[in-house]
């Protein structure tokens, strides 16, 4: 089942399709039907007014949808949600957790990039404010990326036998071309749209009050980074990102990064090693098939068996073209 989902997503998107987490646990608890009561999971308080709902360590599929880190930030006027999760149920759980903290309206739903484990819950917020939807905020290129990929995401879930499949994924109503500031009432969020890196629609969010920087999947903790954009671009973005001022950072998957920017280094090291491996193969005149056959999986990363060869394929195409 998992293999069919990965193949379908790869066919509709790119060789390295979606972010994933570490070892695969048993299936999640059965989700209630659409409109059913959502469970209220525990959230972590990162700082006053800043909350994290950690993702589980699993590959995103119909049975394992709460795999990405999501959260919310509360000001004096309203709240902002950072990513909606991998399913409508994940989105409802996140909204229920938010409502445990505050009755304030949700002004903004911010999507950090296009992958399904971060956007499939968008519809859960459509009636979050007494029937009024929040503004959906994303990178300038997010709308086009969602339009291209959503049909493949939904068809893959149908083949997997998902119990609940959204009709659509709410696209952004507010696009970030470079930088943007959002006011939550006594609390501002600084959004930055990045050039193509992990994907072509990566967005970061800095909560200036707490110094918490939400990275999306521009950095990974504990499991293999997934290349679905440009290798060279990602390394350049990470170099610039490391100069951003923050007290802590939240990756799209994994533990909160308390040692900033030092905790970026494992992602940088993996991507730099990937570049060296491909450049060495090209220098020897190896074909892609020969390169894949010769590779050794990086043992320090989880999910390397799932994604390292996919990353090699994407990097090989990019670097071969650049020669």
Protein backbone atom coordinates (compact mmCIF):
# COMPACT_ATOMS: atom_id res chain seq x y z
CA UNK A 1 0.00 0.00 0.00
CA UNK A 2 2.75 2.43 0.99
CA UNK A 3 4.67 1.63 -2.19
CA UNK A 4 1.64 2.44 -4.37
CA UNK A 5 1.20 5.79 -2.65
CA UNK A 6 4.84 6.75 -3.07
CA UNK A 7 4.80 5.73 -6.72
CA UNK A 8 1.67 7.73 -7.41
CA UNK A 9 3.00 10.84 -5.75
CA UNK A 10 6.34 10.53 -7.51
CA UNK A 11 4.60 10.26 -10.89
CA UNK A 12 2.56 13.38 -10.25
CA UNK A 13 5.21 15.50 -8.58
CA UNK A 14 8.94 14.91 -8.64
CA UNK A 15 11.45 12.23 -7.82
CA UNK A 16 11.71 13.40 -4.23
CA UNK A 17 8.09 13.99 -3.41
CA UNK A 18 7.23 14.68 0.16
CA UNK A 19 8.76 15.05 3.55
CA UNK A 20 8.61 12.10 5.85
CA UNK A 21 9.55 11.29 9.38
CA UNK A 22 11.32 8.46 11.08
CA UNK A 23 10.36 4.86 11.85
CA UNK A 24 6.81 3.90 10.95
CA UNK A 25 4.51 3.17 13.94
CA UNK A 26 1.20 1.38 13.95
CA UNK A 27 -1.85 3.02 12.37
CA UNK A 28 -3.25 6.12 13.94
CA UNK A 29 -6.53 5.95 15.79
CA UNK A 30 -9.52 5.93 13.48
CA UNK A 31 -10.58 9.45 12.63
CA UNK A 32 -14.22 10.48 13.04
CA UNK A 33 -16.14 11.34 9.92
CA UNK A 34 -16.29 14.81 8.47
CA UNK A 35 -17.75 17.18 10.99
CA UNK A 36 -17.19 14.72 13.83
CA UNK A 37 -15.69 15.76 17.13
CA UNK A 38 -11.92 16.10 16.97
CA UNK A 39 -9.60 14.72 19.57
CA UNK A 40 -7.71 17.37 21.52
CA UNK A 41 -4.05 16.35 21.49
CA UNK A 42 -1.47 17.80 23.83
CA UNK A 43 0.54 20.74 22.57
CA UNK A 44 3.95 21.92 23.68
CA UNK A 45 4.36 25.51 24.85
CA UNK A 46 7.49 26.85 23.16
CA UNK A 47 7.13 30.29 24.76
CA UNK A 48 4.18 32.33 26.03
CA UNK A 49 1.70 32.44 23.14
CA UNK A 50 3.65 30.03 20.89
CA UNK A 51 2.52 26.39 20.68
CA UNK A 52 3.66 23.28 18.85
CA UNK A 53 1.69 20.14 17.96
CA UNK A 54 4.51 17.66 17.22
CA UNK A 55 4.24 15.31 14.29
CA UNK A 56 4.56 11.57 14.66
CA UNK A 57 7.48 9.72 13.12
CA UNK A 58 5.97 8.06 10.05
CA UNK A 59 5.82 8.27 6.30
CA UNK A 60 2.77 10.28 5.24
CA UNK A 61 0.03 8.05 3.85
CA UNK A 62 -3.67 7.37 4.36
CA UNK A 63 -3.07 5.64 7.69
CA UNK A 64 -0.42 8.04 9.00
CA UNK A 65 -1.27 11.66 8.41
CA UNK A 66 -0.12 13.56 11.51
CA UNK A 67 3.56 13.43 10.67
CA UNK A 68 4.49 17.10 10.25
CA UNK A 69 5.05 19.61 13.02
CA UNK A 70 2.23 22.14 13.16
CA UNK A 71 1.37 24.88 15.62
CA UNK A 72 -0.07 28.29 16.32
CA UNK A 73 0.83 31.70 17.69
CA UNK A 74 -1.56 33.88 19.70
CA UNK A 75 -1.58 37.66 19.83
CA UNK A 76 -3.97 40.03 21.61
CA UNK A 77 -6.26 40.33 18.57
CA UNK A 78 -6.11 36.96 16.83
CA UNK A 79 -4.11 33.78 16.22
CA UNK A 80 -2.08 32.43 13.31
CA UNK A 81 -1.76 28.73 12.48
CA UNK A 82 1.49 27.39 11.03
CA UNK A 83 0.67 24.53 8.62
CA UNK A 84 -2.60 22.61 8.85
CA UNK A 85 -1.34 19.03 8.80
CA UNK A 86 -1.68 15.94 6.66
CA UNK A 87 -5.46 15.40 6.74
CA UNK A 88 -8.74 17.09 7.65
CA UNK A 89 -8.58 15.20 10.94
CA UNK A 90 -5.13 16.58 11.69
CA UNK A 91 -6.46 20.06 10.98
CA UNK A 92 -9.43 19.52 13.31
CA UNK A 93 -7.13 18.27 16.06
CA UNK A 94 -4.96 21.35 15.66
CA UNK A 95 -7.98 23.66 15.75
CA UNK A 96 -9.32 21.88 18.85
CA UNK A 97 -5.96 22.33 20.56
CA UNK A 98 -5.98 26.01 19.65
CA UNK A 99 -9.49 26.42 21.06
CA UNK A 100 -8.25 24.96 24.36
CA UNK A 101 -5.87 27.92 24.53
CA UNK A 102 -7.85 30.85 23.11
CA UNK A 103 -11.29 31.84 21.76
CA UNK A 104 -9.72 34.51 19.55
CA UNK A 105 -10.33 34.31 15.81
CA UNK A 106 -7.81 32.65 13.53
CA UNK A 107 -6.70 35.50 11.29
CA UNK A 108 -4.13 33.57 9.28
CA UNK A 109 -3.42 30.01 8.19
CA UNK A 110 0.17 29.95 6.95
CA UNK A 111 1.37 27.10 4.70
CA UNK A 112 5.17 26.77 4.70
CA UNK A 113 5.24 24.77 1.42
CA UNK A 114 3.22 22.49 -0.85
CA UNK A 115 3.74 18.98 0.54
CA UNK A 116 0.54 17.17 1.59
CA UNK A 117 1.54 16.55 5.20
CA UNK A 118 1.54 20.35 5.66
CA UNK A 119 -1.57 21.44 3.71
CA UNK A 120 -4.21 18.68 3.72
CA UNK A 121 -5.84 20.09 6.84
CA UNK A 122 -6.54 23.53 5.36
CA UNK A 123 -10.25 22.81 5.00
CA UNK A 124 -10.65 22.22 8.73
CA UNK A 125 -10.23 25.97 9.28
CA UNK A 126 -12.87 27.09 6.77
CA UNK A 127 -15.40 27.70 9.56
CA UNK A 128 -12.93 28.45 12.36
CA UNK A 129 -14.31 31.94 12.91
CA UNK A 130 -18.04 31.44 13.09
CA UNK A 131 -18.23 30.56 9.42
CA UNK A 132 -15.55 32.95 8.22
CA UNK A 133 -12.33 31.42 6.95
CA UNK A 134 -8.94 32.85 7.87
CA UNK A 135 -6.67 34.22 5.21
CA UNK A 136 -4.50 31.43 3.81
CA UNK A 137 -0.95 32.69 3.44
CA UNK A 138 1.78 31.15 1.31
CA UNK A 139 4.71 31.67 -1.00
CA UNK A 140 3.95 33.45 -4.27
CA UNK A 141 4.42 30.12 -6.10
CA UNK A 142 2.31 28.04 -3.71
CA UNK A 143 -0.99 28.43 -5.57
CA UNK A 144 0.47 27.07 -8.81
CA UNK A 145 2.22 24.25 -6.97
CA UNK A 146 -1.01 23.23 -5.23
CA UNK A 147 -2.95 23.34 -8.48
CA UNK A 148 -0.44 21.02 -10.13
CA UNK A 149 -0.08 18.53 -7.30
CA UNK A 150 -3.42 18.33 -5.49
CA UNK A 151 -5.09 15.93 -7.99
CA UNK A 152 -2.28 13.43 -7.48
CA UNK A 153 -2.44 13.74 -3.70
CA UNK A 154 -6.19 13.12 -3.66
CA UNK A 155 -6.09 10.20 -6.10
CA UNK A 156 -3.30 8.58 -4.12
CA UNK A 157 -5.41 8.77 -0.95
CA UNK A 158 -8.36 7.28 -2.81
CA UNK A 159 -6.25 4.32 -3.90
CA UNK A 160 -5.07 3.95 -0.31
CA UNK A 161 -8.67 3.70 0.89
CA UNK A 162 -8.55 6.83 3.05
CA UNK A 163 -11.69 7.25 5.16
CA UNK A 164 -11.84 11.01 4.53
CA UNK A 165 -10.57 12.82 1.45
CA UNK A 166 -10.91 16.59 1.08
CA UNK A 167 -12.57 17.84 -2.08
CA UNK A 168 -9.86 20.47 -2.47
CA UNK A 169 -7.00 22.12 -0.63
CA UNK A 170 -7.73 25.76 0.12
CA UNK A 171 -5.19 27.83 -1.85
CA UNK A 172 -3.52 30.97 -0.55
CA UNK A 173 -5.51 34.18 -0.52
CA UNK A 174 -2.44 36.19 0.50
CA UNK A 175 0.83 35.58 -1.38
CA UNK A 176 4.33 36.43 -0.14
CA UNK A 177 6.73 37.44 -2.90
CA UNK A 178 9.64 38.40 -0.65
CA UNK A 179 8.92 39.54 2.91
CA UNK A 180 5.71 40.33 4.73
CA UNK A 181 4.74 41.26 8.28
CA UNK A 182 1.50 40.06 9.87
CA UNK A 183 0.07 41.73 12.97
CA UNK A 184 -1.72 39.53 15.51
CA UNK A 185 -2.24 42.38 17.96
CA UNK A 186 0.85 43.28 19.95
CA UNK A 187 2.67 40.47 18.21
CA UNK A 188 4.12 40.45 14.71
CA UNK A 189 5.14 37.62 12.43
CA UNK A 190 7.87 38.15 9.83
CA UNK A 191 7.36 35.96 6.77
CA UNK A 192 10.04 35.34 4.17
CA UNK A 193 9.66 33.66 0.79
CA UNK A 194 12.79 31.84 -0.34
CA UNK A 195 14.17 30.93 -3.77
CA UNK A 196 13.77 27.29 -4.83
CA UNK A 197 15.33 25.02 -2.20
CA UNK A 198 13.48 22.11 -0.57
CA UNK A 199 10.60 22.99 -2.92
CA UNK A 200 9.87 25.98 -5.13
CA UNK A 201 7.49 27.49 -2.54
CA UNK A 202 9.34 27.51 0.80
CA UNK A 203 8.27 30.07 3.40
CA UNK A 204 9.62 30.74 6.90
CA UNK A 205 7.80 32.43 9.77
CA UNK A 206 9.53 34.31 12.60
CA UNK A 207 7.52 35.09 15.72
CA UNK A 208 9.41 38.21 16.79
CA UNK A 209 8.01 38.19 20.32
CA UNK A 210 9.34 34.76 21.26
CA UNK A 211 12.17 34.55 18.74
CA UNK A 212 10.72 31.30 17.38
CA UNK A 213 11.53 30.62 13.73
CA UNK A 214 9.29 28.14 11.88
CA UNK A 215 11.35 26.55 9.11
CA UNK A 216 8.91 24.31 7.28
CA UNK A 217 11.04 21.61 5.67
CA UNK A 218 14.06 23.78 4.97
CA UNK A 219 15.77 21.80 7.74
CA UNK A 220 15.24 18.28 9.06
CA UNK A 221 16.01 16.73 12.42
CA UNK A 222 16.95 13.07 12.71
CA UNK A 223 15.75 11.81 9.36
CA UNK A 224 16.86 12.29 5.81
CA UNK A 225 16.25 15.66 4.14
CA UNK A 226 14.08 15.27 1.05
CA UNK A 227 15.11 17.11 -2.11
CA UNK A 228 12.10 18.27 -4.13
CA UNK A 229 13.56 21.49 -5.50
CA UNK A 230 17.16 22.46 -6.26
CA UNK A 231 20.20 21.16 -4.41
CA UNK A 232 22.38 24.19 -5.11
CA UNK A 233 19.56 26.53 -4.23
CA UNK A 234 18.86 24.74 -0.96
CA UNK A 235 22.47 25.03 0.17
CA UNK A 236 22.44 28.75 -0.66
CA UNK A 237 19.19 29.24 1.25
CA UNK A 238 20.57 27.41 4.29
CA UNK A 239 23.62 29.68 4.27
CA UNK A 240 21.36 32.73 4.32
CA UNK A 241 18.95 31.17 6.79
CA UNK A 242 21.75 30.58 9.28
CA UNK A 243 22.23 34.34 9.53
CA UNK A 244 18.64 34.87 10.67
CA UNK A 245 18.34 35.84 14.33
CA UNK A 246 16.27 33.42 16.43
CA UNK A 247 16.16 31.87 19.90
CA UNK A 248 14.88 28.54 18.65
CA UNK A 249 13.69 27.01 15.39
CA UNK A 250 10.94 24.51 14.55
CA UNK A 251 11.72 22.16 11.65
CA UNK A 252 8.91 20.64 9.64
CA UNK A 253 9.78 17.28 11.20
CA UNK A 254 11.71 16.44 14.33
CA UNK A 255 12.77 18.12 17.52
CA UNK A 256 12.77 21.84 18.20
CA UNK A 257 16.19 23.26 17.39
CA UNK A 258 17.39 24.98 20.55
CA UNK A 259 20.98 25.49 19.36
CA UNK A 260 20.44 28.00 16.59
CA UNK A 261 21.90 28.08 13.98
CA UNK A 262 24.19 25.15 14.85
CA UNK A 263 21.31 22.67 14.51
CA UNK A 264 21.14 23.47 10.78
CA UNK A 265 24.51 21.81 10.26
CA UNK A 266 23.33 18.18 9.85
CA UNK A 267 21.06 19.21 6.98
CA UNK A 268 23.86 21.26 5.41
CA UNK A 269 26.32 18.37 5.78
CA UNK A 270 23.97 15.86 4.15
CA UNK A 271 23.20 18.10 1.17
CA UNK A 272 26.87 19.02 0.71
CA UNK A 273 27.75 15.32 0.81
CA UNK A 274 25.04 14.58 -1.73
CA UNK A 275 26.56 17.19 -4.04
CA UNK A 276 30.05 15.74 -3.63
CA UNK A 277 28.78 12.23 -4.37
CA UNK A 278 27.02 13.28 -7.57
CA UNK A 279 29.87 15.48 -8.74
CA UNK A 280 32.32 12.62 -8.20
CA UNK A 281 30.09 10.25 -10.18
CA UNK A 282 29.77 12.76 -13.03
CA UNK A 283 33.53 13.29 -12.99
CA UNK A 284 34.03 9.54 -13.48
CA UNK A 285 31.51 9.47 -16.30
CA UNK A 286 29.10 7.25 -14.36
CA UNK A 287 25.52 7.03 -15.56
CA UNK A 288 22.65 7.65 -13.18
CA UNK A 289 22.05 3.90 -12.89
CA UNK A 290 25.69 3.29 -12.06
CA UNK A 291 25.61 6.13 -9.52
CA UNK A 292 22.57 4.67 -7.79
CA UNK A 293 24.10 1.20 -7.71
CA UNK A 294 27.34 2.50 -6.21
CA UNK A 295 25.83 4.65 -3.48
CA UNK A 296 26.11 3.84 0.21
CA UNK A 297 23.18 4.85 2.39
CA UNK A 298 24.06 7.46 5.03
CA UNK A 299 23.56 5.43 8.18
CA UNK A 300 23.10 8.35 10.55
CA UNK A 301 19.79 9.34 8.93
CA UNK A 302 16.45 7.63 9.30
CA UNK A 303 14.49 6.95 6.10
CA UNK A 304 17.70 6.93 4.07
CA UNK A 305 16.56 3.76 2.31
CA UNK A 306 13.35 5.48 1.26
CA UNK A 307 14.76 8.76 0.02
CA UNK A 308 18.52 8.84 -0.53
CA UNK A 309 18.36 7.33 -4.03
CA UNK A 310 15.48 9.65 -4.91
CA UNK A 311 17.63 12.58 -3.78
CA UNK A 312 20.50 11.28 -5.88
CA UNK A 313 18.26 11.11 -8.93
CA UNK A 314 17.08 14.70 -8.49
CA UNK A 315 20.59 16.00 -7.75
CA UNK A 316 22.10 14.08 -10.68
CA UNK A 317 19.68 15.66 -13.15
CA UNK A 318 20.36 19.13 -11.77
CA UNK A 319 24.16 18.87 -11.67
CA UNK A 320 24.48 17.03 -15.00
CA UNK A 321 22.51 19.81 -16.70
CA UNK A 322 24.72 22.45 -15.05
CA UNK A 323 27.98 20.96 -16.36
